[in-house]
Amino acid sequence: MSSTAIIAGATGLVGGECLRLAVDRYDSVVAILRRPIEFTHARLEQRVIDFDKIGSIEIPAGAHVYCALGTTIKKAGSQEAFRKVDFDYPRALAQRAAGAGDCRFMLVSSVGASARSAAFYLRIKGELEDAIRAMPLAASVIFRPSFILGDRGEKYRGQRLGIAIAPVIGPFLIGGLRKYRAIESKQVAAAMIAAANSDARGSFVYHYDEIVRLASR
């Protein structure tokens, strides 16, 4: 069992699944939160912070850091607010991990992420990936799922549509289009845990097939 996991985004779809898996895998788990959650465990510490100060949190050397932070422009209210959640906070967390030494950093990004994308959402995701890959981390592992399935509670119209059509179009996404298949949040989380506890060092990017394979370990 590895020593410490740090999880940011534990109230979200993938982050919540990471949390439930991590408490059975690590000696200690620290959830970085804006507000307390109901989930409790003997190995879990809930650390409620102002996320503007996420770059100053304590991270021990060798920790496994999971970042599942993310929002939508609609929820954030503006592109500037979106960038703060989806770029500034994850980058600050990764910088802190890099400074701690020998940390592994697992990031939930998005299929199509590229700093050269014409789409604002994908461009921000790509810029974040580039920033993290440049940091001195033991490993930076980037997950690029397409539509993520799971219990989202309140669902937006686009999300409801995605949930409805994903099982229908999935079998037709073959070859190079397989990376656009919808995937369960539990699979993404399981893949992140597996990658974190691998001995591989360096920078890695995983799409649908790699995520499914890792999740099955």
N, C-alpha and C. Protein backbone atom coordinates (compact mmCIF):
# COMPACT_ATOMS: atom_id res chain seq x y z
N MET A 1 0.84 -1.20 0.00
CA MET A 1 0.00 0.00 0.00
C MET A 1 0.88 1.24 0.00
N SER A 2 0.65 2.16 -0.93
CA SER A 2 1.41 3.40 -0.98
C SER A 2 1.00 4.32 0.16
N SER A 3 1.80 5.33 0.44
CA SER A 3 1.59 6.11 1.64
C SER A 3 0.47 7.14 1.56
N THR A 4 0.59 8.13 0.68
CA THR A 4 -0.35 9.25 0.72
C THR A 4 -0.92 9.58 -0.65
N ALA A 5 -2.23 9.79 -0.68
CA ALA A 5 -2.91 10.28 -1.88
C ALA A 5 -3.53 11.63 -1.56
N ILE A 6 -3.37 12.58 -2.49
CA ILE A 6 -4.00 13.88 -2.39
C ILE A 6 -5.01 13.95 -3.53
N ILE A 7 -6.27 14.28 -3.22
CA ILE A 7 -7.30 14.30 -4.25
C ILE A 7 -7.98 15.67 -4.28
N ALA A 8 -7.90 16.33 -5.42
CA ALA A 8 -8.62 17.59 -5.64
C ALA A 8 -9.73 17.33 -6.64
N GLY A 9 -10.93 17.72 -6.30
CA GLY A 9 -12.08 17.44 -7.15
C GLY A 9 -12.87 16.25 -6.68
N ALA A 10 -12.78 15.95 -5.39
CA ALA A 10 -13.42 14.74 -4.84
C ALA A 10 -14.94 14.83 -4.78
N THR A 11 -15.52 16.00 -5.04
CA THR A 11 -16.98 16.12 -5.07
C THR A 11 -17.53 15.88 -6.47
N GLY A 12 -16.64 15.69 -7.43
CA GLY A 12 -17.06 15.48 -8.81
C GLY A 12 -17.23 14.02 -9.15
N LEU A 13 -17.58 13.77 -10.40
CA LEU A 13 -17.91 12.42 -10.86
C LEU A 13 -16.71 11.48 -10.76
N VAL A 14 -15.59 11.86 -11.35
CA VAL A 14 -14.40 11.01 -11.32
C VAL A 14 -13.68 11.12 -9.98
N GLY A 15 -13.56 12.33 -9.46
CA GLY A 15 -12.86 12.52 -8.20
C GLY A 15 -13.50 11.77 -7.05
N GLY A 16 -14.82 11.71 -7.04
CA GLY A 16 -15.52 10.96 -5.99
C GLY A 16 -15.22 9.48 -6.06
N GLU A 17 -15.15 8.95 -7.29
CA GLU A 17 -14.79 7.53 -7.44
C GLU A 17 -13.35 7.29 -7.03
N CYS A 18 -12.46 8.21 -7.37
CA CYS A 18 -11.06 8.10 -6.93
C CYS A 18 -10.97 8.03 -5.42
N LEU A 19 -11.75 8.87 -4.75
CA LEU A 19 -11.74 8.91 -3.29
C LEU A 19 -12.16 7.56 -2.71
N ARG A 20 -13.23 6.99 -3.23
CA ARG A 20 -13.72 5.71 -2.70
C ARG A 20 -12.73 4.57 -2.92
N LEU A 21 -12.00 4.62 -4.03
CA LEU A 21 -10.99 3.60 -4.28
C LEU A 21 -9.73 3.85 -3.46
N ALA A 22 -9.36 5.10 -3.31
CA ALA A 22 -8.09 5.44 -2.67
C ALA A 22 -8.04 5.07 -1.20
N VAL A 23 -9.16 5.18 -0.50
CA VAL A 23 -9.12 4.89 0.94
C VAL A 23 -8.82 3.42 1.23
N ASP A 24 -9.00 2.57 0.22
CA ASP A 24 -8.65 1.16 0.39
C ASP A 24 -7.26 0.83 -0.14
N ARG A 25 -6.60 1.85 -0.72
CA ARG A 25 -5.30 1.61 -1.36
C ARG A 25 -4.15 2.30 -0.65
N TYR A 26 -4.44 3.39 0.05
CA TYR A 26 -3.38 4.21 0.65
C TYR A 26 -3.46 4.20 2.18
N ASP A 27 -2.31 4.49 2.80
CA ASP A 27 -2.27 4.65 4.25
C ASP A 27 -3.06 5.88 4.69
N SER A 28 -2.97 6.95 3.88
CA SER A 28 -3.71 8.16 4.20
C SER A 28 -4.16 8.83 2.90
N VAL A 29 -5.35 9.43 2.97
CA VAL A 29 -5.93 10.12 1.82
C VAL A 29 -6.36 11.50 2.28
N VAL A 30 -5.95 12.52 1.54
CA VAL A 30 -6.34 13.89 1.85
C VAL A 30 -7.20 14.41 0.71
N ALA A 31 -8.44 14.76 1.02
CA ALA A 31 -9.34 15.35 0.03
C ALA A 31 -9.31 16.86 0.19
N ILE A 32 -8.93 17.55 -0.90
CA ILE A 32 -8.89 19.01 -0.89
C ILE A 32 -10.26 19.51 -1.33
N LEU A 33 -10.95 20.23 -0.46
CA LEU A 33 -12.37 20.54 -0.67
C LEU A 33 -12.68 22.00 -0.41
N ARG A 34 -13.75 22.46 -1.05
CA ARG A 34 -14.31 23.78 -0.73
C ARG A 34 -15.25 23.70 0.46
N ARG A 35 -15.84 22.54 0.63
CA ARG A 35 -16.81 22.33 1.73
C ARG A 35 -16.73 20.86 2.16
N PRO A 36 -17.09 20.55 3.41
CA PRO A 36 -17.03 19.16 3.87
C PRO A 36 -17.98 18.27 3.08
N ILE A 37 -17.65 16.99 3.03
CA ILE A 37 -18.51 16.01 2.38
C ILE A 37 -18.95 14.98 3.41
N GLU A 38 -19.99 14.23 3.08
CA GLU A 38 -20.54 13.26 4.03
C GLU A 38 -19.70 11.99 4.12
N PHE A 39 -18.97 11.69 3.08
CA PHE A 39 -18.17 10.46 3.05
C PHE A 39 -17.07 10.53 4.13
N THR A 40 -16.99 9.49 4.95
CA THR A 40 -15.97 9.44 6.00
C THR A 40 -15.26 8.09 5.96
N HIS A 41 -14.03 8.10 6.44
CA HIS A 41 -13.22 6.87 6.50
C HIS A 41 -12.06 7.14 7.45
N ALA A 42 -11.61 6.09 8.11
CA ALA A 42 -10.52 6.24 9.09
C ALA A 42 -9.25 6.79 8.45
N ARG A 43 -9.05 6.51 7.16
CA ARG A 43 -7.81 6.96 6.50
C ARG A 43 -7.98 8.31 5.81
N LEU A 44 -9.17 8.89 5.86
CA LEU A 44 -9.46 10.11 5.12
C LEU A 44 -9.37 11.36 5.98
N GLU A 45 -8.67 12.35 5.47
CA GLU A 45 -8.66 13.69 6.05
C GLU A 45 -9.32 14.64 5.06
N GLN A 46 -10.33 15.36 5.51
CA GLN A 46 -10.97 16.37 4.67
C GLN A 46 -10.32 17.71 4.98
N ARG A 47 -9.70 18.28 3.98
CA ARG A 47 -9.02 19.56 4.17
C ARG A 47 -9.78 20.63 3.39
N VAL A 48 -10.56 21.43 4.09
CA VAL A 48 -11.37 22.47 3.46
C VAL A 48 -10.54 23.75 3.34
N ILE A 49 -10.41 24.24 2.09
CA ILE A 49 -9.55 25.40 1.85
C ILE A 49 -10.22 26.39 0.91
N ASP A 50 -9.64 27.57 0.84
CA ASP A 50 -9.93 28.54 -0.22
C ASP A 50 -9.06 28.12 -1.41
N PHE A 51 -9.68 27.74 -2.52
CA PHE A 51 -8.92 27.21 -3.64
C PHE A 51 -7.97 28.23 -4.27
N ASP A 52 -8.15 29.49 -3.97
CA ASP A 52 -7.17 30.48 -4.43
C ASP A 52 -5.83 30.27 -3.74
N LYS A 53 -5.83 29.46 -2.66
CA LYS A 53 -4.59 29.18 -1.92
C LYS A 53 -4.13 27.74 -2.10
N ILE A 54 -4.62 27.09 -3.14
CA ILE A 54 -4.30 25.68 -3.33
C ILE A 54 -2.79 25.47 -3.57
N GLY A 55 -2.14 26.49 -4.06
CA GLY A 55 -0.70 26.38 -4.31
C GLY A 55 0.15 26.40 -3.05
N SER A 56 -0.47 26.54 -1.90
CA SER A 56 0.29 26.57 -0.65
C SER A 56 -0.02 25.37 0.25
N ILE A 57 -0.79 24.40 -0.23
CA ILE A 57 -1.13 23.26 0.63
C ILE A 57 0.10 22.38 0.85
N GLU A 58 0.07 21.65 1.94
CA GLU A 58 1.17 20.75 2.26
C GLU A 58 1.03 19.44 1.48
N ILE A 59 2.08 19.07 0.76
CA ILE A 59 2.12 17.80 0.04
C ILE A 59 3.43 17.10 0.40
N PRO A 60 3.36 15.89 0.92
CA PRO A 60 4.60 15.19 1.28
C PRO A 60 5.33 14.66 0.05
N ALA A 61 6.62 14.53 0.15
CA ALA A 61 7.40 13.97 -0.94
C ALA A 61 6.90 12.57 -1.27
N GLY A 62 6.84 12.27 -2.55
CA GLY A 62 6.43 10.95 -2.98
C GLY A 62 4.94 10.71 -3.02
N ALA A 63 4.14 11.74 -2.76
CA ALA A 63 2.69 11.57 -2.75
C ALA A 63 2.16 11.33 -4.15
N HIS A 64 0.99 10.71 -4.22
CA HIS A 64 0.26 10.56 -5.46
C HIS A 64 -0.84 11.60 -5.46
N VAL A 65 -0.80 12.50 -6.42
CA VAL A 65 -1.74 13.62 -6.45
C VAL A 65 -2.72 13.43 -7.61
N TYR A 66 -4.00 13.42 -7.26
CA TYR A 66 -5.07 13.22 -8.24
C TYR A 66 -5.80 14.54 -8.45
N CYS A 67 -5.88 14.98 -9.69
CA CYS A 67 -6.57 16.25 -9.98
C CYS A 67 -7.73 15.99 -10.92
N ALA A 68 -8.94 16.11 -10.38
CA ALA A 68 -10.15 15.94 -11.18
C ALA A 68 -10.98 17.21 -11.12
N LEU A 69 -10.30 18.34 -10.99
CA LEU A 69 -10.99 19.63 -10.95
C LEU A 69 -11.52 19.99 -12.33
N GLY A 70 -12.68 20.58 -12.36
CA GLY A 70 -13.22 21.00 -13.64
C GLY A 70 -14.60 21.58 -13.49
N THR A 71 -14.97 22.44 -14.43
CA THR A 71 -16.29 23.04 -14.44
C THR A 71 -16.71 23.22 -15.89
N THR A 72 -17.76 23.96 -16.12
CA THR A 72 -18.18 24.33 -17.46
C THR A 72 -18.25 25.85 -17.51
N ILE A 73 -18.16 26.39 -18.70
CA ILE A 73 -18.25 27.85 -18.82
C ILE A 73 -19.60 28.33 -18.32
N LYS A 74 -20.65 27.52 -18.57
CA LYS A 74 -21.99 27.90 -18.10
C LYS A 74 -22.03 28.00 -16.59
N LYS A 75 -21.47 27.01 -15.89
CA LYS A 75 -21.47 27.03 -14.43
C LYS A 75 -20.54 28.10 -13.89
N ALA A 76 -19.36 28.26 -14.53
CA ALA A 76 -18.39 29.24 -14.06
C ALA A 76 -18.87 30.67 -14.25
N GLY A 77 -19.61 30.91 -15.33
CA GLY A 77 -20.16 32.23 -15.58
C GLY A 77 -19.40 33.07 -16.58
N SER A 78 -18.14 32.71 -16.82
CA SER A 78 -17.32 33.45 -17.77
C SER A 78 -16.11 32.62 -18.14
N GLN A 79 -15.46 32.98 -19.24
CA GLN A 79 -14.24 32.28 -19.63
C GLN A 79 -13.14 32.50 -18.59
N GLU A 80 -13.08 33.68 -18.01
CA GLU A 80 -12.07 33.98 -17.00
C GLU A 80 -12.26 33.09 -15.77
N ALA A 81 -13.49 32.94 -15.32
CA ALA A 81 -13.77 32.09 -14.15
C ALA A 81 -13.50 30.62 -14.48
N PHE A 82 -13.85 30.22 -15.70
CA PHE A 82 -13.57 28.85 -16.13
C PHE A 82 -12.08 28.58 -16.11
N ARG A 83 -11.30 29.51 -16.63
CA ARG A 83 -9.84 29.32 -16.68
C ARG A 83 -9.25 29.17 -15.27
N LYS A 84 -9.80 29.89 -14.31
CA LYS A 84 -9.30 29.79 -12.95
C LYS A 84 -9.45 28.37 -12.41
N VAL A 85 -10.62 27.77 -12.65
CA VAL A 85 -10.89 26.42 -12.13
C VAL A 85 -10.17 25.35 -12.92
N ASP A 86 -10.15 25.48 -14.24
CA ASP A 86 -9.64 24.41 -15.09
C ASP A 86 -8.17 24.57 -15.47
N PHE A 87 -7.58 25.72 -15.17
CA PHE A 87 -6.16 25.91 -15.48
C PHE A 87 -5.37 26.37 -14.25
N ASP A 88 -5.77 27.49 -13.66
CA ASP A 88 -4.98 28.07 -12.57
C ASP A 88 -4.87 27.13 -11.37
N TYR A 89 -5.99 26.58 -10.92
CA TYR A 89 -5.95 25.72 -9.74
C TYR A 89 -5.18 24.42 -9.99
N PRO A 90 -5.45 23.70 -11.09
CA PRO A 90 -4.67 22.47 -11.33
C PRO A 90 -3.18 22.75 -11.51
N ARG A 91 -2.84 23.83 -12.19
CA ARG A 91 -1.42 24.14 -12.38
C ARG A 91 -0.75 24.44 -11.04
N ALA A 92 -1.42 25.20 -10.19
CA ALA A 92 -0.85 25.52 -8.88
C ALA A 92 -0.66 24.25 -8.05
N LEU A 93 -1.62 23.33 -8.13
CA LEU A 93 -1.50 22.07 -7.40
C LEU A 93 -0.33 21.25 -7.93
N ALA A 94 -0.19 21.20 -9.25
CA ALA A 94 0.91 20.45 -9.85
C ALA A 94 2.26 21.07 -9.49
N GLN A 95 2.33 22.38 -9.47
CA GLN A 95 3.57 23.05 -9.08
C GLN A 95 3.95 22.71 -7.65
N ARG A 96 2.95 22.65 -6.79
CA ARG A 96 3.20 22.29 -5.39
C ARG A 96 3.71 20.86 -5.29
N ALA A 97 3.10 19.96 -6.09
CA ALA A 97 3.54 18.56 -6.10
C ALA A 97 4.96 18.44 -6.62
N ALA A 98 5.27 19.18 -7.66
CA ALA A 98 6.62 19.14 -8.22
C ALA A 98 7.64 19.63 -7.20
N GLY A 99 7.26 20.65 -6.45
CA GLY A 99 8.16 21.18 -5.43
C GLY A 99 8.38 20.23 -4.27
N ALA A 100 7.40 19.37 -4.01
CA ALA A 100 7.51 18.41 -2.90
C ALA A 100 8.55 17.33 -3.19
N GLY A 101 8.69 16.99 -4.46
CA GLY A 101 9.70 16.00 -4.85
C GLY A 101 9.15 14.60 -5.02
N ASP A 102 9.46 13.99 -6.15
CA ASP A 102 9.15 12.59 -6.46
C ASP A 102 7.65 12.28 -6.40
N CYS A 103 6.82 13.24 -6.72
CA CYS A 103 5.37 13.01 -6.70
C CYS A 103 4.88 12.55 -8.08
N ARG A 104 3.81 11.80 -8.07
CA ARG A 104 3.13 11.39 -9.30
C ARG A 104 1.82 12.18 -9.39
N PHE A 105 1.55 12.73 -10.57
CA PHE A 105 0.40 13.63 -10.74
C PHE A 105 -0.52 13.06 -11.81
N MET A 106 -1.76 12.76 -11.43
CA MET A 106 -2.77 12.21 -12.33
C MET A 106 -3.81 13.29 -12.64
N LEU A 107 -4.01 13.58 -13.91
CA LEU A 107 -4.89 14.67 -14.33
C LEU A 107 -6.01 14.18 -15.23
N VAL A 108 -7.24 14.57 -14.93
CA VAL A 108 -8.37 14.33 -15.83
C VAL A 108 -8.44 15.51 -16.79
N SER A 109 -8.20 15.25 -18.07
CA SER A 109 -8.26 16.28 -19.10
C SER A 109 -9.45 15.98 -20.00
N SER A 110 -9.29 16.08 -21.29
CA SER A 110 -10.40 15.84 -22.22
C SER A 110 -9.87 15.37 -23.56
N VAL A 111 -10.61 14.47 -24.20
CA VAL A 111 -10.27 14.09 -25.55
C VAL A 111 -10.29 15.35 -26.43
N GLY A 112 -9.29 15.48 -27.29
CA GLY A 112 -9.21 16.65 -28.15
C GLY A 112 -8.45 17.82 -27.56
N ALA A 113 -7.96 17.68 -26.33
CA ALA A 113 -7.23 18.78 -25.69
C ALA A 113 -6.00 19.15 -26.51
N SER A 114 -5.83 20.43 -26.75
CA SER A 114 -4.66 20.92 -27.49
C SER A 114 -4.53 22.42 -27.29
N ALA A 115 -3.33 22.85 -27.02
CA ALA A 115 -3.09 24.29 -26.84
C ALA A 115 -3.32 25.05 -28.14
N ARG A 116 -3.42 24.34 -29.26
CA ARG A 116 -3.65 24.98 -30.56
C ARG A 116 -5.12 24.88 -31.01
N SER A 117 -5.96 24.34 -30.16
CA SER A 117 -7.37 24.18 -30.53
C SER A 117 -8.06 25.52 -30.68
N ALA A 118 -8.99 25.58 -31.63
CA ALA A 118 -9.79 26.79 -31.81
C ALA A 118 -10.89 26.88 -30.76
N ALA A 119 -11.19 25.76 -30.11
CA ALA A 119 -12.22 25.73 -29.07
C ALA A 119 -11.62 26.13 -27.73
N PHE A 120 -12.20 27.12 -27.08
CA PHE A 120 -11.64 27.65 -25.83
C PHE A 120 -11.46 26.55 -24.80
N TYR A 121 -12.48 25.72 -24.61
CA TYR A 121 -12.43 24.66 -23.60
C TYR A 121 -11.24 23.73 -23.84
N LEU A 122 -11.09 23.26 -25.07
CA LEU A 122 -10.01 22.32 -25.38
C LEU A 122 -8.65 23.00 -25.37
N ARG A 123 -8.62 24.27 -25.70
CA ARG A 123 -7.35 25.01 -25.68
C ARG A 123 -6.84 25.16 -24.24
N ILE A 124 -7.72 25.47 -23.31
CA ILE A 124 -7.33 25.60 -21.91
C ILE A 124 -6.83 24.26 -21.38
N LYS A 125 -7.54 23.18 -21.72
CA LYS A 125 -7.12 21.84 -21.30
C LYS A 125 -5.73 21.53 -21.86
N GLY A 126 -5.50 21.87 -23.12
CA GLY A 126 -4.21 21.61 -23.74
C GLY A 126 -3.09 22.44 -23.12
N GLU A 127 -3.37 23.69 -22.81
CA GLU A 127 -2.36 24.55 -22.17
C GLU A 127 -1.98 23.99 -20.80
N LEU A 128 -2.98 23.48 -20.08
CA LEU A 128 -2.70 22.89 -18.77
C LEU A 128 -1.84 21.64 -18.92
N GLU A 129 -2.17 20.78 -19.86
CA GLU A 129 -1.36 19.59 -20.09
C GLU A 129 0.10 19.96 -20.38
N ASP A 130 0.30 20.93 -21.25
CA ASP A 130 1.66 21.35 -21.59
C ASP A 130 2.41 21.86 -20.37
N ALA A 131 1.71 22.64 -19.54
CA ALA A 131 2.35 23.20 -18.34
C ALA A 131 2.76 22.09 -17.38
N ILE A 132 1.90 21.09 -17.20
CA ILE A 132 2.19 20.02 -16.26
C ILE A 132 3.30 19.10 -16.77
N ARG A 133 3.29 18.83 -18.07
CA ARG A 133 4.34 17.97 -18.64
C ARG A 133 5.73 18.59 -18.49
N ALA A 134 5.79 19.91 -18.39
CA ALA A 134 7.08 20.59 -18.27
C ALA A 134 7.61 20.60 -16.83
N MET A 135 6.83 20.15 -15.88
CA MET A 135 7.23 20.19 -14.48
C MET A 135 8.05 18.96 -14.09
N PRO A 136 8.94 19.12 -13.09
CA PRO A 136 9.79 18.00 -12.65
C PRO A 136 9.05 17.05 -11.71
N LEU A 137 8.12 16.29 -12.28
CA LEU A 137 7.35 15.30 -11.52
C LEU A 137 7.89 13.91 -11.80
N ALA A 138 7.76 13.01 -10.84
CA ALA A 138 8.16 11.62 -11.09
C ALA A 138 7.37 11.05 -12.26
N ALA A 139 6.10 11.40 -12.32
CA ALA A 139 5.25 11.02 -13.45
C ALA A 139 4.11 12.02 -13.57
N SER A 140 3.80 12.39 -14.80
CA SER A 140 2.59 13.16 -15.07
C SER A 140 1.75 12.30 -16.00
N VAL A 141 0.58 11.90 -15.52
CA VAL A 141 -0.26 10.97 -16.25
C VAL A 141 -1.57 11.67 -16.59
N ILE A 142 -1.81 11.86 -17.88
CA ILE A 142 -2.94 12.64 -18.35
C ILE A 142 -3.99 11.72 -18.97
N PHE A 143 -5.20 11.84 -18.49
CA PHE A 143 -6.31 11.01 -18.97
C PHE A 143 -7.23 11.87 -19.82
N ARG A 144 -7.51 11.41 -21.03
CA ARG A 144 -8.34 12.17 -21.95
C ARG A 144 -9.63 11.40 -22.29
N PRO A 145 -10.56 11.32 -21.37
CA PRO A 145 -11.83 10.66 -21.67
C PRO A 145 -12.69 11.55 -22.56
N SER A 146 -13.65 10.93 -23.23
CA SER A 146 -14.68 11.67 -23.94
C SER A 146 -15.82 11.89 -22.94
N PHE A 147 -17.03 11.61 -23.32
CA PHE A 147 -18.16 11.81 -22.40
C PHE A 147 -18.07 10.81 -21.25
N ILE A 148 -18.17 11.31 -20.02
CA ILE A 148 -18.04 10.46 -18.83
C ILE A 148 -19.41 10.13 -18.29
N LEU A 149 -19.66 8.83 -18.13
CA LEU A 149 -20.95 8.35 -17.63
C LEU A 149 -20.90 8.15 -16.12
N GLY A 150 -22.01 8.39 -15.46
CA GLY A 150 -22.08 8.22 -14.02
C GLY A 150 -23.22 9.05 -13.46
N ASP A 151 -23.43 8.94 -12.17
CA ASP A 151 -24.52 9.67 -11.51
C ASP A 151 -24.11 11.11 -11.29
N ARG A 152 -24.62 12.00 -12.11
CA ARG A 152 -24.26 13.41 -12.03
C ARG A 152 -25.21 14.22 -11.15
N GLY A 153 -26.24 13.58 -10.59
CA GLY A 153 -27.22 14.36 -9.83
C GLY A 153 -27.98 15.25 -10.79
N GLU A 154 -27.85 16.56 -10.64
CA GLU A 154 -28.50 17.50 -11.56
C GLU A 154 -27.82 17.40 -12.93
N LYS A 155 -28.60 17.22 -13.98
CA LYS A 155 -28.06 17.06 -15.32
C LYS A 155 -28.53 18.20 -16.22
N TYR A 156 -27.59 18.73 -17.01
CA TYR A 156 -27.94 19.72 -18.00
C TYR A 156 -28.50 19.03 -19.24
N ARG A 157 -29.15 19.79 -20.08
CA ARG A 157 -29.79 19.22 -21.27
C ARG A 157 -28.77 18.46 -22.13
N GLY A 158 -27.60 19.06 -22.34
CA GLY A 158 -26.58 18.41 -23.14
C GLY A 158 -26.09 17.12 -22.52
N GLN A 159 -26.02 17.09 -21.20
CA GLN A 159 -25.58 15.88 -20.51
C GLN A 159 -26.63 14.78 -20.64
N ARG A 160 -27.90 15.15 -20.51
CA ARG A 160 -28.96 14.16 -20.66
C ARG A 160 -28.95 13.57 -22.06
N LEU A 161 -28.69 14.41 -23.04
CA LEU A 161 -28.62 13.94 -24.42
C LEU A 161 -27.44 13.00 -24.61
N GLY A 162 -26.31 13.38 -24.03
CA GLY A 162 -25.12 12.54 -24.14
C GLY A 162 -25.32 11.17 -23.52
N ILE A 163 -25.95 11.13 -22.36
CA ILE A 163 -26.22 9.86 -21.68
C ILE A 163 -27.13 8.98 -22.53
N ALA A 164 -28.10 9.61 -23.20
CA ALA A 164 -29.07 8.85 -24.00
C ALA A 164 -28.45 8.26 -25.26
N ILE A 165 -27.59 9.03 -25.92
CA ILE A 165 -27.09 8.57 -27.22
C ILE A 165 -25.78 7.78 -27.13
N ALA A 166 -25.05 7.90 -26.00
CA ALA A 166 -23.74 7.24 -25.89
C ALA A 166 -23.80 5.74 -26.17
N PRO A 167 -24.75 4.99 -25.58
CA PRO A 167 -24.80 3.54 -25.85
C PRO A 167 -25.14 3.23 -27.30
N VAL A 168 -25.82 4.14 -27.98
CA VAL A 168 -26.25 3.91 -29.36
C VAL A 168 -25.10 4.10 -30.33
N ILE A 169 -24.34 5.18 -30.16
CA ILE A 169 -23.29 5.49 -31.13
C ILE A 169 -21.96 4.82 -30.80
N GLY A 170 -21.79 4.37 -29.55
CA GLY A 170 -20.52 3.78 -29.14
C GLY A 170 -20.00 2.69 -30.06
N PRO A 171 -20.81 1.69 -30.41
CA PRO A 171 -20.32 0.59 -31.26
C PRO A 171 -19.88 1.04 -32.65
N PHE A 172 -20.34 2.22 -33.09
CA PHE A 172 -19.98 2.71 -34.42
C PHE A 172 -18.69 3.52 -34.40
N LEU A 173 -18.19 3.82 -33.21
CA LEU A 173 -16.94 4.57 -33.09
C LEU A 173 -15.80 3.56 -33.08
N ILE A 174 -15.22 3.32 -34.24
CA ILE A 174 -14.17 2.31 -34.38
C ILE A 174 -12.91 2.95 -34.93
N GLY A 175 -11.81 2.19 -34.90
CA GLY A 175 -10.54 2.72 -35.39
C GLY A 175 -10.13 3.97 -34.61
N GLY A 176 -9.77 5.01 -35.34
CA GLY A 176 -9.33 6.25 -34.71
C GLY A 176 -10.40 6.98 -33.95
N LEU A 177 -11.66 6.56 -34.15
CA LEU A 177 -12.77 7.22 -33.46
C LEU A 177 -13.08 6.58 -32.11
N ARG A 178 -12.41 5.48 -31.79
CA ARG A 178 -12.69 4.79 -30.53
C ARG A 178 -12.45 5.70 -29.32
N LYS A 179 -11.51 6.63 -29.44
CA LYS A 179 -11.20 7.49 -28.30
C LYS A 179 -12.36 8.40 -27.92
N TYR A 180 -13.37 8.49 -28.81
CA TYR A 180 -14.54 9.32 -28.52
C TYR A 180 -15.67 8.54 -27.86
N ARG A 181 -15.45 7.27 -27.57
CA ARG A 181 -16.49 6.49 -26.90
C ARG A 181 -16.70 6.99 -25.47
N ALA A 182 -17.94 6.99 -25.03
CA ALA A 182 -18.23 7.35 -23.64
C ALA A 182 -17.65 6.30 -22.70
N ILE A 183 -17.34 6.71 -21.50
CA ILE A 183 -16.70 5.80 -20.55
C ILE A 183 -17.24 6.06 -19.15
N GLU A 184 -17.33 5.01 -18.35
CA GLU A 184 -17.83 5.12 -16.98
C GLU A 184 -16.82 5.84 -16.09
N SER A 185 -17.33 6.68 -15.21
CA SER A 185 -16.45 7.40 -14.27
C SER A 185 -15.65 6.42 -13.42
N LYS A 186 -16.24 5.28 -13.07
CA LYS A 186 -15.53 4.29 -12.26
C LYS A 186 -14.33 3.73 -13.00
N GLN A 187 -14.43 3.60 -14.32
CA GLN A 187 -13.30 3.12 -15.10
C GLN A 187 -12.18 4.14 -15.14
N VAL A 188 -12.52 5.40 -15.30
CA VAL A 188 -11.50 6.44 -15.31
C VAL A 188 -10.77 6.47 -13.97
N ALA A 189 -11.52 6.42 -12.88
CA ALA A 189 -10.92 6.44 -11.55
C ALA A 189 -10.03 5.23 -11.31
N ALA A 190 -10.50 4.05 -11.71
CA ALA A 190 -9.70 2.83 -11.53
C ALA A 190 -8.41 2.90 -12.33
N ALA A 191 -8.48 3.47 -13.53
CA ALA A 191 -7.29 3.62 -14.35
C ALA A 191 -6.30 4.60 -13.70
N MET A 192 -6.81 5.65 -13.10
CA MET A 192 -5.94 6.63 -12.44
C MET A 192 -5.22 5.99 -11.26
N ILE A 193 -5.93 5.20 -10.48
CA ILE A 193 -5.32 4.52 -9.34
C ILE A 193 -4.24 3.55 -9.83
N ALA A 194 -4.53 2.81 -10.90
CA ALA A 194 -3.56 1.86 -11.44
C ALA A 194 -2.31 2.57 -11.95
N ALA A 195 -2.50 3.67 -12.67
CA ALA A 195 -1.36 4.41 -13.20
C ALA A 195 -0.52 5.01 -12.09
N ALA A 196 -1.18 5.51 -11.06
CA ALA A 196 -0.45 6.11 -9.93
C ALA A 196 0.44 5.09 -9.25
N ASN A 197 -0.03 3.85 -9.18
CA ASN A 197 0.71 2.82 -8.47
C ASN A 197 1.58 1.96 -9.39
N SER A 198 1.86 2.50 -10.57
CA SER A 198 2.80 1.88 -11.50
C SER A 198 4.20 2.40 -11.19
N ASP A 199 5.20 1.69 -11.65
CA ASP A 199 6.58 2.13 -11.47
C ASP A 199 7.05 3.03 -12.61
N ALA A 200 6.22 3.21 -13.64
CA ALA A 200 6.62 3.98 -14.82
C ALA A 200 6.84 5.44 -14.45
N ARG A 201 7.91 6.00 -14.97
CA ARG A 201 8.24 7.40 -14.73
C ARG A 201 8.23 8.15 -16.06
N GLY A 202 7.87 9.42 -16.02
CA GLY A 202 7.81 10.21 -17.23
C GLY A 202 6.42 10.78 -17.43
N SER A 203 6.12 11.14 -18.67
CA SER A 203 4.84 11.76 -19.00
C SER A 203 4.05 10.84 -19.92
N PHE A 204 2.77 10.66 -19.62
CA PHE A 204 1.93 9.73 -20.37
C PHE A 204 0.58 10.37 -20.65
N VAL A 205 0.00 10.02 -21.80
CA VAL A 205 -1.34 10.48 -22.17
C VAL A 205 -2.16 9.26 -22.54
N TYR A 206 -3.32 9.10 -21.92
CA TYR A 206 -4.16 7.92 -22.15
C TYR A 206 -5.54 8.31 -22.66
N HIS A 207 -5.98 7.59 -23.71
CA HIS A 207 -7.32 7.74 -24.25
C HIS A 207 -8.17 6.51 -23.89
N TYR A 208 -9.30 6.39 -24.51
CA TYR A 208 -10.30 5.37 -24.16
C TYR A 208 -9.71 3.97 -23.99
N ASP A 209 -9.05 3.45 -25.02
CA ASP A 209 -8.57 2.07 -24.94
C ASP A 209 -7.57 1.86 -23.82
N GLU A 210 -6.63 2.82 -23.66
CA GLU A 210 -5.64 2.70 -22.60
C GLU A 210 -6.29 2.81 -21.22
N ILE A 211 -7.30 3.68 -21.12
CA ILE A 211 -8.01 3.85 -19.84
C ILE A 211 -8.73 2.55 -19.46
N VAL A 212 -9.42 1.96 -20.43
CA VAL A 212 -10.13 0.70 -20.17
C VAL A 212 -9.15 -0.39 -19.76
N ARG A 213 -8.02 -0.46 -20.44
CA ARG A 213 -7.03 -1.49 -20.12
C ARG A 213 -6.45 -1.30 -18.71
N LEU A 214 -6.13 -0.07 -18.37
CA LEU A 214 -5.61 0.21 -17.03
C LEU A 214 -6.64 -0.10 -15.96
N ALA A 215 -7.90 0.22 -16.25
CA ALA A 215 -8.96 0.03 -15.26
C ALA A 215 -9.16 -1.44 -14.94
N SER A 216 -8.80 -2.31 -15.85
CA SER A 216 -9.03 -3.74 -15.65
C SER A 216 -7.94 -4.42 -14.85
N ARG A 217 -6.90 -3.68 -14.49
CA ARG A 217 -5.79 -4.29 -13.74
C ARG A 217 -6.21 -4.61 -12.31
